[in-house]
Amino acid sequence: MPKVIGAVTVDAMRCKGCELCVVACPTHTLALKSNDVNDRGYHYAYAADMATCIGCAACATVCPDACIEVYRVIEK
């Protein structure tokens, strides 16, 4: 069975740190930057452990600002 590898990109400047994506991620790939803020003053989401991403796009679905993109690659 082929393995699906996912990749997540977050537009840190648009992210308002609502943490909905962090909660929605089943593999705990995303986290909030606790020490850094974006230009708007928010702690933003980032891919803390990209190796665990399965490309399910749950994070992108719940993001109210549409600042998350998910890519999937199928390994054969």
N, C-alpha and C. Protein backbone atom coordinates (compact mmCIF):
# COMPACT_ATOMS: atom_id res chain seq x y z
N MET A 1 0.85 -1.17 0.00
CA MET A 1 0.00 0.00 0.00
C MET A 1 0.90 1.24 0.00
N PRO A 2 0.62 2.20 -0.90
CA PRO A 2 1.46 3.39 -0.95
C PRO A 2 1.28 4.25 0.31
N LYS A 3 2.35 4.92 0.66
CA LYS A 3 2.33 5.79 1.83
C LYS A 3 2.12 7.23 1.38
N VAL A 4 1.24 7.94 2.07
CA VAL A 4 0.96 9.34 1.76
C VAL A 4 1.79 10.22 2.68
N ILE A 5 2.56 11.09 2.06
CA ILE A 5 3.35 12.05 2.83
C ILE A 5 2.75 13.43 2.60
N GLY A 6 2.54 14.16 3.66
CA GLY A 6 1.95 15.49 3.55
C GLY A 6 2.95 16.58 3.85
N ALA A 7 2.62 17.77 3.42
CA ALA A 7 3.42 18.96 3.71
C ALA A 7 2.47 20.12 3.95
N VAL A 8 2.77 20.92 4.93
CA VAL A 8 1.92 22.04 5.31
C VAL A 8 2.72 23.33 5.22
N THR A 9 2.12 24.35 4.63
CA THR A 9 2.71 25.69 4.66
C THR A 9 1.70 26.64 5.29
N VAL A 10 2.19 27.48 6.17
CA VAL A 10 1.35 28.46 6.86
C VAL A 10 1.84 29.85 6.49
N ASP A 11 0.93 30.71 6.06
CA ASP A 11 1.27 32.11 5.81
C ASP A 11 1.29 32.81 7.16
N ALA A 12 2.47 32.92 7.74
CA ALA A 12 2.62 33.45 9.10
C ALA A 12 2.14 34.89 9.24
N MET A 13 2.20 35.67 8.18
CA MET A 13 1.78 37.06 8.27
C MET A 13 0.26 37.20 8.34
N ARG A 14 -0.48 36.23 7.79
CA ARG A 14 -1.94 36.28 7.83
C ARG A 14 -2.52 35.55 9.02
N CYS A 15 -1.75 34.68 9.66
CA CYS A 15 -2.24 33.86 10.77
C CYS A 15 -2.51 34.73 11.99
N LYS A 16 -3.66 34.51 12.63
CA LYS A 16 -3.99 35.27 13.83
C LYS A 16 -3.86 34.44 15.11
N GLY A 17 -3.33 33.23 14.99
CA GLY A 17 -3.05 32.41 16.17
C GLY A 17 -4.28 31.91 16.90
N CYS A 18 -5.34 31.61 16.19
CA CYS A 18 -6.57 31.15 16.84
C CYS A 18 -6.43 29.72 17.37
N GLU A 19 -5.45 28.98 16.89
CA GLU A 19 -5.12 27.63 17.34
C GLU A 19 -6.13 26.57 16.90
N LEU A 20 -7.05 26.90 16.02
CA LEU A 20 -8.01 25.92 15.53
C LEU A 20 -7.30 24.81 14.74
N CYS A 21 -6.29 25.18 13.98
CA CYS A 21 -5.55 24.19 13.19
C CYS A 21 -4.76 23.24 14.08
N VAL A 22 -4.22 23.74 15.16
CA VAL A 22 -3.45 22.91 16.09
C VAL A 22 -4.35 21.86 16.72
N VAL A 23 -5.54 22.25 17.09
CA VAL A 23 -6.50 21.33 17.71
C VAL A 23 -7.02 20.32 16.68
N ALA A 24 -7.22 20.75 15.44
CA ALA A 24 -7.79 19.88 14.40
C ALA A 24 -6.80 18.85 13.86
N CYS A 25 -5.52 19.08 14.03
CA CYS A 25 -4.51 18.18 13.46
C CYS A 25 -4.47 16.85 14.22
N PRO A 26 -4.77 15.73 13.55
CA PRO A 26 -4.78 14.43 14.24
C PRO A 26 -3.40 13.90 14.57
N THR A 27 -2.36 14.43 13.91
CA THR A 27 -1.00 13.92 14.14
C THR A 27 -0.12 14.90 14.92
N HIS A 28 -0.68 15.98 15.37
CA HIS A 28 0.04 17.00 16.16
C HIS A 28 1.23 17.57 15.39
N THR A 29 1.02 17.82 14.12
CA THR A 29 2.07 18.39 13.27
C THR A 29 2.24 19.88 13.53
N LEU A 30 1.16 20.58 13.80
CA LEU A 30 1.21 22.04 13.96
C LEU A 30 1.29 22.46 15.43
N ALA A 31 1.87 23.63 15.63
CA ALA A 31 1.95 24.24 16.96
C ALA A 31 1.99 25.75 16.77
N LEU A 32 1.83 26.48 17.86
CA LEU A 32 1.95 27.94 17.81
C LEU A 32 3.35 28.35 18.24
N LYS A 33 3.88 29.36 17.56
CA LYS A 33 5.17 29.92 17.96
C LYS A 33 4.95 30.69 19.25
N SER A 34 5.53 30.24 20.32
CA SER A 34 5.30 30.90 21.61
C SER A 34 6.20 32.11 21.82
N ASN A 35 7.33 32.18 21.14
CA ASN A 35 8.28 33.27 21.35
C ASN A 35 8.22 34.34 20.27
N ASP A 36 7.67 34.00 19.11
CA ASP A 36 7.66 34.93 17.99
C ASP A 36 6.24 35.40 17.70
N VAL A 37 6.13 36.61 17.17
CA VAL A 37 4.85 37.15 16.73
C VAL A 37 5.02 37.67 15.30
N ASN A 38 3.90 37.73 14.58
CA ASN A 38 3.96 38.27 13.22
C ASN A 38 3.80 39.80 13.27
N ASP A 39 3.70 40.42 12.11
CA ASP A 39 3.59 41.89 12.02
C ASP A 39 2.33 42.43 12.69
N ARG A 40 1.31 41.58 12.82
CA ARG A 40 0.05 42.00 13.44
C ARG A 40 0.05 41.78 14.94
N GLY A 41 1.12 41.19 15.47
CA GLY A 41 1.23 40.98 16.91
C GLY A 41 0.69 39.66 17.41
N TYR A 42 0.41 38.71 16.52
CA TYR A 42 -0.14 37.42 16.90
C TYR A 42 0.94 36.33 16.93
N HIS A 43 0.81 35.40 17.85
CA HIS A 43 1.60 34.18 17.79
C HIS A 43 1.01 33.36 16.65
N TYR A 44 1.84 32.87 15.76
CA TYR A 44 1.33 32.21 14.56
C TYR A 44 1.63 30.72 14.58
N ALA A 45 0.87 29.98 13.77
CA ALA A 45 1.04 28.52 13.67
C ALA A 45 2.22 28.21 12.75
N TYR A 46 2.83 27.06 13.00
CA TYR A 46 3.91 26.58 12.14
C TYR A 46 3.94 25.06 12.21
N ALA A 47 4.63 24.44 11.27
CA ALA A 47 4.76 22.99 11.24
C ALA A 47 5.88 22.59 12.19
N ALA A 48 5.51 22.13 13.36
CA ALA A 48 6.50 21.77 14.38
C ALA A 48 7.15 20.42 14.08
N ASP A 49 6.41 19.50 13.48
CA ASP A 49 6.93 18.17 13.18
C ASP A 49 6.40 17.73 11.82
N MET A 50 7.04 18.21 10.77
CA MET A 50 6.58 17.95 9.41
C MET A 50 6.59 16.47 9.05
N ALA A 51 7.42 15.68 9.69
CA ALA A 51 7.52 14.25 9.37
C ALA A 51 6.24 13.50 9.72
N THR A 52 5.40 14.04 10.60
CA THR A 52 4.18 13.35 10.99
C THR A 52 2.97 13.73 10.15
N CYS A 53 3.10 14.71 9.27
CA CYS A 53 1.97 15.17 8.46
C CYS A 53 1.54 14.08 7.48
N ILE A 54 0.23 13.82 7.45
CA ILE A 54 -0.34 12.82 6.55
C ILE A 54 -1.11 13.46 5.40
N GLY A 55 -1.16 14.77 5.35
CA GLY A 55 -1.83 15.47 4.26
C GLY A 55 -3.34 15.42 4.31
N CYS A 56 -3.92 15.30 5.48
CA CYS A 56 -5.37 15.17 5.60
C CYS A 56 -6.12 16.48 5.34
N ALA A 57 -5.45 17.60 5.48
CA ALA A 57 -6.00 18.94 5.24
C ALA A 57 -7.05 19.36 6.27
N ALA A 58 -7.10 18.72 7.42
CA ALA A 58 -8.03 19.14 8.47
C ALA A 58 -7.69 20.54 8.95
N CYS A 59 -6.42 20.86 9.01
CA CYS A 59 -5.98 22.18 9.47
C CYS A 59 -6.44 23.27 8.50
N ALA A 60 -6.29 23.02 7.21
CA ALA A 60 -6.69 24.00 6.20
C ALA A 60 -8.21 24.18 6.17
N THR A 61 -8.93 23.13 6.46
CA THR A 61 -10.39 23.18 6.44
C THR A 61 -10.93 24.07 7.54
N VAL A 62 -10.34 24.02 8.73
CA VAL A 62 -10.86 24.79 9.85
C VAL A 62 -10.26 26.20 9.95
N CYS A 63 -9.26 26.51 9.17
CA CYS A 63 -8.61 27.83 9.26
C CYS A 63 -9.55 28.92 8.76
N PRO A 64 -9.94 29.86 9.62
CA PRO A 64 -10.88 30.91 9.21
C PRO A 64 -10.25 31.96 8.29
N ASP A 65 -8.93 32.04 8.25
CA ASP A 65 -8.25 33.03 7.43
C ASP A 65 -7.66 32.45 6.15
N ALA A 66 -7.85 31.16 5.92
CA ALA A 66 -7.35 30.46 4.73
C ALA A 66 -5.86 30.72 4.51
N CYS A 67 -5.10 30.62 5.56
CA CYS A 67 -3.66 30.87 5.45
C CYS A 67 -2.83 29.58 5.50
N ILE A 68 -3.49 28.42 5.37
CA ILE A 68 -2.80 27.14 5.40
C ILE A 68 -3.01 26.42 4.07
N GLU A 69 -1.91 25.91 3.52
CA GLU A 69 -1.99 25.09 2.31
C GLU A 69 -1.39 23.72 2.62
N VAL A 70 -2.04 22.68 2.13
CA VAL A 70 -1.60 21.31 2.38
C VAL A 70 -1.31 20.65 1.05
N TYR A 71 -0.18 19.98 0.99
CA TYR A 71 0.24 19.24 -0.21
C TYR A 71 0.36 17.77 0.15
N ARG A 72 0.05 16.89 -0.82
CA ARG A 72 0.17 15.45 -0.60
C ARG A 72 1.06 14.84 -1.68
N VAL A 73 1.92 13.92 -1.25
CA VAL A 73 2.77 13.17 -2.18
C VAL A 73 2.59 11.70 -1.82
N ILE A 74 2.34 10.89 -2.83
CA ILE A 74 2.18 9.46 -2.60
C ILE A 74 3.48 8.76 -2.97
N GLU A 75 4.08 8.09 -1.99
CA GLU A 75 5.30 7.33 -2.21
C GLU A 75 4.94 5.95 -2.69
N LYS A 76 5.63 5.47 -3.69
CA LYS A 76 5.35 4.14 -4.21
C LYS A 76 6.40 3.16 -3.74
